Every structure is written in structure tokens, then in C-alpha cells.
PDB file of N, CA and C in Angstrom:
ATOM      1  N   MET A   1     136.499 206.747 187.085  1.00  0.00           N
ATOM      2  CA  MET A   1     135.981 205.391 187.149  1.00  0.00           C
ATOM      3  C   MET A   1     136.990 204.390 186.589  1.00  0.00           C
ATOM      4  N   GLU A   2     137.879 204.847 185.703  1.00  0.00           N
ATOM      5  CA  GLU A   2     138.842 203.940 185.091  1.00  0.00           C
ATOM      6  C   GLU A   2     139.772 203.313 186.135  1.00  0.00           C
ATOM      7  N   TRP A   3     140.121 204.050 187.165  1.00  0.00           N
ATOM      8  CA  TRP A   3     141.032 203.522 188.175  1.00  0.00           C
ATOM      9  C   TRP A   3     140.430 202.320 188.896  1.00  0.00           C
ATOM     10  N   VAL A   4     139.110 202.283 189.004  1.00  0.00           N
ATOM     11  CA  VAL A   4     138.443 201.136 189.644  1.00  0.00           C
ATOM     12  C   VAL A   4     138.716 199.880 188.835  1.00  0.00           C
ATOM     13  N   TRP A   5     138.566 199.967 187.505  1.00  0.00           N
ATOM     14  CA  TRP A   5     138.803 198.805 186.656  1.00  0.00           C
ATOM     15  C   TRP A   5     140.264 198.382 186.669  1.00  0.00           C
ATOM     16  N   LYS A   6     141.163 199.349 186.749  1.00  0.00           N
ATOM     17  CA  LYS A   6     142.588 199.014 186.823  1.00  0.00           C
ATOM     18  C   LYS A   6     142.907 198.257 188.102  1.00  0.00           C
ATOM     19  N   ARG A   7     142.244 198.618 189.182  1.00  0.00           N
ATOM     20  CA  ARG A   7     142.485 197.937 190.452  1.00  0.00           C
ATOM     21  C   ARG A   7     141.833 196.565 190.491  1.00  0.00           C
ATOM     22  N   LEU A   8     140.695 196.428 189.808  1.00  0.00           N
ATOM     23  CA  LEU A   8     139.976 195.153 189.801  1.00  0.00           C
ATOM     24  C   LEU A   8     140.509 194.164 188.764  1.00  0.00           C
ATOM     25  N   ALA A   9     141.182 194.649 187.742  1.00  0.00           N
ATOM     26  CA  ALA A   9     141.618 193.810 186.623  1.00  0.00           C
ATOM     27  C   ALA A   9     142.389 192.556 187.038  1.00  0.00           C
ATOM     28  N   PRO A  10     143.308 192.624 187.988  1.00  0.00           N
ATOM     29  CA  PRO A  10     144.039 191.397 188.341  1.00  0.00           C
ATOM     30  C   PRO A  10     143.151 190.317 188.976  1.00  0.00           C
ATOM     31  N   TYR A  11     141.977 190.698 189.474  1.00  0.00           N
ATOM     32  CA  TYR A  11     141.106 189.749 190.159  1.00  0.00           C
ATOM     33  C   TYR A  11     139.969 189.235 189.295  1.00  0.00           C
ATOM     34  N   VAL A  12     139.791 189.828 188.131  1.00  0.00           N
ATOM     35  CA  VAL A  12     138.691 189.439 187.259  1.00  0.00           C
ATOM     36  C   VAL A  12     139.231 188.557 186.143  1.00  0.00           C
ATOM     37  N   ARG A  13     138.648 187.390 186.000  1.00  0.00           N
ATOM     38  CA  ARG A  13     139.024 186.474 184.931  1.00  0.00           C
ATOM     39  C   ARG A  13     137.809 186.305 184.028  1.00  0.00           C
ATOM     40  N   ALA A  14     138.031 186.403 182.730  1.00  0.00           N
ATOM     41  CA  ALA A  14     136.937 186.271 181.779  1.00  0.00           C
ATOM     42  C   ALA A  14     137.391 185.433 180.597  1.00  0.00           C
ATOM     43  N   ARG A  15     136.436 184.758 180.011  1.00  0.00           N
ATOM     44  CA  ARG A  15     136.703 183.973 178.813  1.00  0.00           C
ATOM     45  C   ARG A  15     135.577 184.269 177.832  1.00  0.00           C
ATOM     46  N   THR A  16     135.954 184.572 176.608  1.00  0.00           N
ATOM     47  CA  THR A  16     134.974 184.882 175.585  1.00  0.00           C
ATOM     48  C   THR A  16     134.909 183.738 174.597  1.00  0.00           C
ATOM     49  N   SER A  17     133.707 183.358 174.263  1.00  0.00           N
ATOM     50  CA  SER A  17     133.496 182.302 173.287  1.00  0.00           C
ATOM     51  C   SER A  17     132.708 182.884 172.130  1.00  0.00           C
ATOM     52  N   LEU A  18     133.082 182.514 170.916  1.00  0.00           N
ATOM     53  CA  LEU A  18     132.437 183.042 169.727  1.00  0.00           C
ATOM     54  C   LEU A  18     131.975 181.887 168.865  1.00  0.00           C
ATOM     55  N   GLU A  19     130.705 181.921 168.483  1.00  0.00           N
ATOM     56  CA  GLU A  19     130.177 180.888 167.603  1.00  0.00           C
ATOM     57  C   GLU A  19     129.751 181.557 166.306  1.00  0.00           C
ATOM     58  N   ILE A  20     130.332 181.109 165.219  1.00  0.00           N
ATOM     59  CA  ILE A  20     129.999 181.667 163.909  1.00  0.00           C
ATOM     60  C   ILE A  20     129.094 180.656 163.208  1.00  0.00           C
ATOM     61  N   VAL A  21     127.881 181.081 162.929  1.00  0.00           N
ATOM     62  CA  VAL A  21     126.902 180.203 162.305  1.00  0.00           C
ATOM     63  C   VAL A  21     127.109 180.200 160.795  1.00  0.00           C
ATOM     64  N   GLY A  22     127.107 179.025 160.208  1.00  0.00           N
ATOM     65  CA  GLY A  22     127.197 178.921 158.757  1.00  0.00           C
ATOM     66  C   GLY A  22     128.579 178.606 158.228  1.00  0.00           C
ATOM     67  N   ILE A  23     129.565 178.482 159.097  1.00  0.00           N
ATOM     68  CA  ILE A  23     130.915 178.136 158.648  1.00  0.00           C
ATOM     69  C   ILE A  23     131.520 177.176 159.668  1.00  0.00           C
ATOM     70  N   THR A  24     132.189 176.161 159.158  1.00  0.00           N
ATOM     71  CA  THR A  24     132.803 175.191 160.060  1.00  0.00           C
ATOM     72  C   THR A  24     134.140 175.720 160.560  1.00  0.00           C
ATOM     73  N   GLU A  25     134.614 175.116 161.604  1.00  0.00           N
ATOM     74  CA  GLU A  25     135.913 175.509 162.158  1.00  0.00           C
ATOM     75  C   GLU A  25     137.027 175.285 161.138  1.00  0.00           C
ATOM     76  N   GLU A  26     136.927 174.195 160.397  1.00  0.00           N
ATOM     77  CA  GLU A  26     137.933 173.885 159.385  1.00  0.00           C
ATOM     78  C   GLU A  26     137.912 174.909 158.251  1.00  0.00           C
ATOM     79  N   ALA A  27     136.719 175.321 157.826  1.00  0.00           N
ATOM     80  CA  ALA A  27     136.610 176.313 156.752  1.00  0.00           C
ATOM     81  C   ALA A  27     137.167 177.664 157.199  1.00  0.00           C
ATOM     82  N   LEU A  28     136.891 178.043 158.436  1.00  0.00           N
ATOM     83  CA  LEU A  28     137.422 179.291 158.971  1.00  0.00           C
ATOM     84  C   LEU A  28     138.942 179.242 159.049  1.00  0.00           C
ATOM     85  N   ALA A  29     139.473 178.130 159.561  1.00  0.00           N
ATOM     86  CA  ALA A  29     140.928 177.979 159.646  1.00  0.00           C
ATOM     87  C   ALA A  29     141.555 178.029 158.258  1.00  0.00           C
ATOM     88  N   SER A  30     140.923 177.403 157.290  1.00  0.00           N
ATOM     89  CA  SER A  30     141.437 177.408 155.922  1.00  0.00           C
ATOM     90  C   SER A  30     141.420 178.817 155.336  1.00  0.00           C
ATOM     91  N   ALA A  31     140.347 179.554 155.566  1.00  0.00           N
ATOM     92  CA  ALA A  31     140.252 180.925 155.055  1.00  0.00           C
ATOM     93  C   ALA A  31     141.320 181.821 155.687  1.00  0.00           C
ATOM     94  N   LEU A  32     141.527 181.683 156.990  1.00  0.00           N
ATOM     95  CA  LEU A  32     142.557 182.472 157.668  1.00  0.00           C
ATOM     96  C   LEU A  32     143.946 182.107 157.160  1.00  0.00           C
ATOM     97  N   HIS A  33     144.177 180.816 156.955  1.00  0.00           N
ATOM     98  CA  HIS A  33     145.461 180.348 156.442  1.00  0.00           C
ATOM     99  C   HIS A  33     145.710 180.898 155.044  1.00  0.00           C
ATOM    100  N   ASP A  34     144.695 180.830 154.188  1.00  0.00           N
ATOM    101  CA  ASP A  34     144.842 181.335 152.818  1.00  0.00           C
ATOM    102  C   ASP A  34     145.141 182.835 152.814  1.00  0.00           C
ATOM    103  N   GLY A  35     144.479 183.579 153.690  1.00  0.00           N
ATOM    104  CA  GLY A  35     144.737 185.013 153.790  1.00  0.00           C
ATOM    105  C   GLY A  35     146.158 185.292 154.238  1.00  0.00           C
ATOM    106  N   ALA A  36     146.628 184.514 155.206  1.00  0.00           N
ATOM    107  CA  ALA A  36     147.997 184.691 155.700  1.00  0.00           C
ATOM    108  C   ALA A  36     149.015 184.368 154.609  1.00  0.00           C
ATOM    109  N   VAL A  37     148.760 183.321 153.842  1.00  0.00           N
ATOM    110  CA  VAL A  37     149.669 182.948 152.752  1.00  0.00           C
ATOM    111  C   VAL A  37     149.728 184.057 151.708  1.00  0.00           C
ATOM    112  N   GLU A  38     148.590 184.647 151.372  1.00  0.00           N
ATOM    113  CA  GLU A  38     148.563 185.739 150.401  1.00  0.00           C
ATOM    114  C   GLU A  38     149.364 186.943 150.897  1.00  0.00           C
ATOM    115  N   ARG A  39     149.224 187.282 152.179  1.00  0.00           N
ATOM    116  CA  ARG A  39     149.982 188.407 152.736  1.00  0.00           C
ATOM    117  C   ARG A  39     151.484 188.113 152.702  1.00  0.00           C
ATOM    118  N   LEU A  40     151.861 186.877 153.031  1.00  0.00           N
ATOM    119  CA  LEU A  40     153.280 186.513 152.997  1.00  0.00           C
ATOM    120  C   LEU A  40     153.842 186.545 151.577  1.00  0.00           C
ATOM    121  N   LYS A  41     153.035 186.143 150.606  1.00  0.00           N
ATOM    122  CA  LYS A  41     153.480 186.215 149.213  1.00  0.00           C
ATOM    123  C   LYS A  41     153.731 187.663 148.808  1.00  0.00           C
ATOM    124  N   TRP A  42     152.857 188.568 149.267  1.00  0.00           N
ATOM    125  CA  TRP A  42     153.032 189.983 148.940  1.00  0.00           C
ATOM    126  C   TRP A  42     154.316 190.515 149.567  1.00  0.00           C
ATOM    127  N   VAL A  43     154.562 190.166 150.823  1.00  0.00           N
ATOM    128  CA  VAL A  43     155.794 190.602 151.498  1.00  0.00           C
ATOM    129  C   VAL A  43     157.011 190.039 150.770  1.00  0.00           C
ATOM    130  N   GLU A  44     156.941 188.780 150.388  1.00  0.00           N
ATOM    131  CA  GLU A  44     158.042 188.163 149.651  1.00  0.00           C
ATOM    132  C   GLU A  44     158.300 188.894 148.329  1.00  0.00           C
ATOM    133  N   THR A  45     157.236 189.269 147.643  1.00  0.00           N
ATOM    134  CA  THR A  45     157.364 189.991 146.376  1.00  0.00           C
ATOM    135  C   THR A  45     158.094 191.309 146.577  1.00  0.00           C
ATOM    136  N   VAL A  46     157.742 192.024 147.637  1.00  0.00           N
ATOM    137  CA  VAL A  46     158.390 193.309 147.913  1.00  0.00           C
ATOM    138  C   VAL A  46     159.850 193.094 148.298  1.00  0.00           C
ATOM    139  N   VAL A  47     160.103 192.133 149.170  1.00  0.00           N
ATOM    140  CA  VAL A  47     161.463 191.914 149.678  1.00  0.00           C
ATOM    141  C   VAL A  47     162.422 191.510 148.556  1.00  0.00           C
ATOM    142  N   PHE A  48     161.967 190.689 147.634  1.00  0.00           N
ATOM    143  CA  PHE A  48     162.855 190.188 146.585  1.00  0.00           C
ATOM    144  C   PHE A  48     162.738 190.954 145.266  1.00  0.00           C
ATOM    145  N   CYS A  49     162.089 192.114 145.296  1.00  0.00           N
ATOM    146  CA  CYS A  49     161.959 192.944 144.094  1.00  0.00           C
ATOM    147  C   CYS A  49     163.311 193.588 143.774  1.00  0.00           C
ATOM    148  N   ASN A  50     163.806 193.336 142.582  1.00  0.00           N
ATOM    149  CA  ASN A  50     165.105 193.890 142.168  1.00  0.00           C
ATOM    150  C   ASN A  50     164.992 195.325 141.659  1.00  0.00           C
ATOM    151  N   GLU A  51     163.783 195.776 141.424  1.00  0.00           N
ATOM    152  CA  GLU A  51     163.576 197.113 140.869  1.00  0.00           C
ATOM    153  C   GLU A  51     163.439 198.186 141.940  1.00  0.00           C
ATOM    154  N   MET A  52     163.448 197.799 143.201  1.00  0.00           N
ATOM    155  CA  MET A  52     163.296 198.749 144.300  1.00  0.00           C
ATOM    156  C   MET A  52     164.559 198.774 145.140  1.00  0.00           C
ATOM    157  N   GLU A  53     164.873 199.946 145.660  1.00  0.00           N
ATOM    158  CA  GLU A  53     165.982 200.080 146.603  1.00  0.00           C
ATOM    159  C   GLU A  53     165.507 199.586 147.971  1.00  0.00           C
ATOM    160  N   ASP A  54     166.461 199.246 148.820  1.00  0.00           N
ATOM    161  CA  ASP A  54     166.124 198.742 150.148  1.00  0.00           C
ATOM    162  C   ASP A  54     165.284 199.740 150.948  1.00  0.00           C
ATOM    163  N   GLU A  55     165.613 201.026 150.823  1.00  0.00           N
ATOM    164  CA  GLU A  55     164.869 202.045 151.556  1.00  0.00           C
ATOM    165  C   GLU A  55     163.413 202.087 151.107  1.00  0.00           C
ATOM    166  N   GLU A  56     163.189 201.909 149.794  1.00  0.00           N
ATOM    167  CA  GLU A  56     161.835 201.886 149.267  1.00  0.00           C
ATOM    168  C   GLU A  56     161.064 200.682 149.798  1.00  0.00           C
ATOM    169  N   LYS A  57     161.735 199.543 149.825  1.00  0.00           N
ATOM    170  CA  LYS A  57     161.101 198.327 150.332  1.00  0.00           C
ATOM    171  C   LYS A  57     160.675 198.514 151.780  1.00  0.00           C
ATOM    172  N   ILE A  58     161.568 199.053 152.578  1.00  0.00           N
ATOM    173  CA  ILE A  58     161.272 199.284 153.992  1.00  0.00           C
ATOM    174  C   ILE A  58     160.102 200.241 154.141  1.00  0.00           C
ATOM    175  N   ALA A  59     160.089 201.300 153.352  1.00  0.00           N
ATOM    176  CA  ALA A  59     159.004 202.279 153.430  1.00  0.00           C
ATOM    177  C   ALA A  59     157.668 201.648 153.052  1.00  0.00           C
ATOM    178  N   VAL A  60     157.662 200.854 151.999  1.00  0.00           N
ATOM    179  CA  VAL A  60     156.426 200.199 151.559  1.00  0.00           C
ATOM    180  C   VAL A  60     155.918 199.240 152.632  1.00  0.00           C
ATOM    181  N   LEU A  61     156.809 198.432 153.174  1.00  0.00           N
ATOM    182  CA  LEU A  61     156.395 197.464 154.195  1.00  0.00           C
ATOM    183  C   LEU A  61     155.932 198.155 155.480  1.00  0.00           C
ATOM    184  N   LYS A  62     156.644 199.204 155.882  1.00  0.00           N
ATOM    185  CA  LYS A  62     156.234 199.956 157.073  1.00  0.00           C
ATOM    186  C   LYS A  62     154.835 200.533 156.888  1.00  0.00           C
ATOM    187  N   GLU A  63     154.629 201.158 155.743  1.00  0.00           N
ATOM    188  CA  GLU A  63     153.325 201.761 155.469  1.00  0.00           C
ATOM    189  C   GLU A  63     152.225 200.700 155.508  1.00  0.00           C
ATOM    190  N   TRP A  64     152.496 199.560 154.891  1.00  0.00           N
ATOM    191  CA  TRP A  64     151.492 198.498 154.833  1.00  0.00           C
ATOM    192  C   TRP A  64     151.194 197.923 156.224  1.00  0.00           C
ATOM    193  N   PHE A  65     152.241 197.654 157.001  1.00  0.00           N
ATOM    194  CA  PHE A  65     152.030 197.077 158.330  1.00  0.00           C
ATOM    195  C   PHE A  65     151.397 198.074 159.284  1.00  0.00           C
ATOM    196  N   LEU A  66     151.793 199.343 159.207  1.00  0.00           N
ATOM    197  CA  LEU A  66     151.231 200.356 160.093  1.00  0.00           C
ATOM    198  C   LEU A  66     149.814 200.745 159.697  1.00  0.00           C
ATOM    199  N   GLU A  67     149.445 200.505 158.464  1.00  0.00           N
ATOM    200  CA  GLU A  67     148.105 200.794 157.983  1.00  0.00           C
ATOM    201  C   GLU A  67     147.055 199.972 158.739  1.00  0.00           C
ATOM    202  N   ASP A  68     147.401 198.741 159.123  1.00  0.00           N
ATOM    203  CA  ASP A  68     146.465 197.851 159.818  1.00  0.00           C
ATOM    204  C   ASP A  68     146.312 198.178 161.294  1.00  0.00           C
ATOM    205  N   SER A  69     147.269 198.904 161.857  1.00  0.00           N
ATOM    206  CA  SER A  69     147.188 199.150 163.304  1.00  0.00           C
ATOM    207  C   SER A  69     146.413 200.387 163.649  1.00  0.00           C
TER     208      SER A  69
END
């Protein structure tokens, strides 16, 4: 059955809309921005750490980034 969807996919257009009740668009954007800033600060801390070797830094960052996928 999967081959049917693969053949139909180029002809099907869809748009998904999501409404989150209880939070404004600005509050959501702010929360996402704050989360992104915190993650970047953590990456910066690892990258500029003088107590770690480059290989250790790479391993830590790889593990962290691959953990989310």
C-alpha cells in the first residue's frame, strides 16, 4: 500500500494548522527563542571550555545533537 502513497504524493497538497489554546503567539515565540538561546549558551560553553580537548568537545556535542534525533 505504501507505493500508492508514493505515487500520489506529488499530487496531494496539504496544509496543517495548529491552534494552541491558552498561550499567545508572542508568548510561544518568546518561549521558543529563550529555549534556543539556552541551547546556544550550552554549545558556547562546551566550545570555549579550556579544560576539554577538541576531541572531547566534538564527542560531547555529537552525543547531545544525536540524542534529539
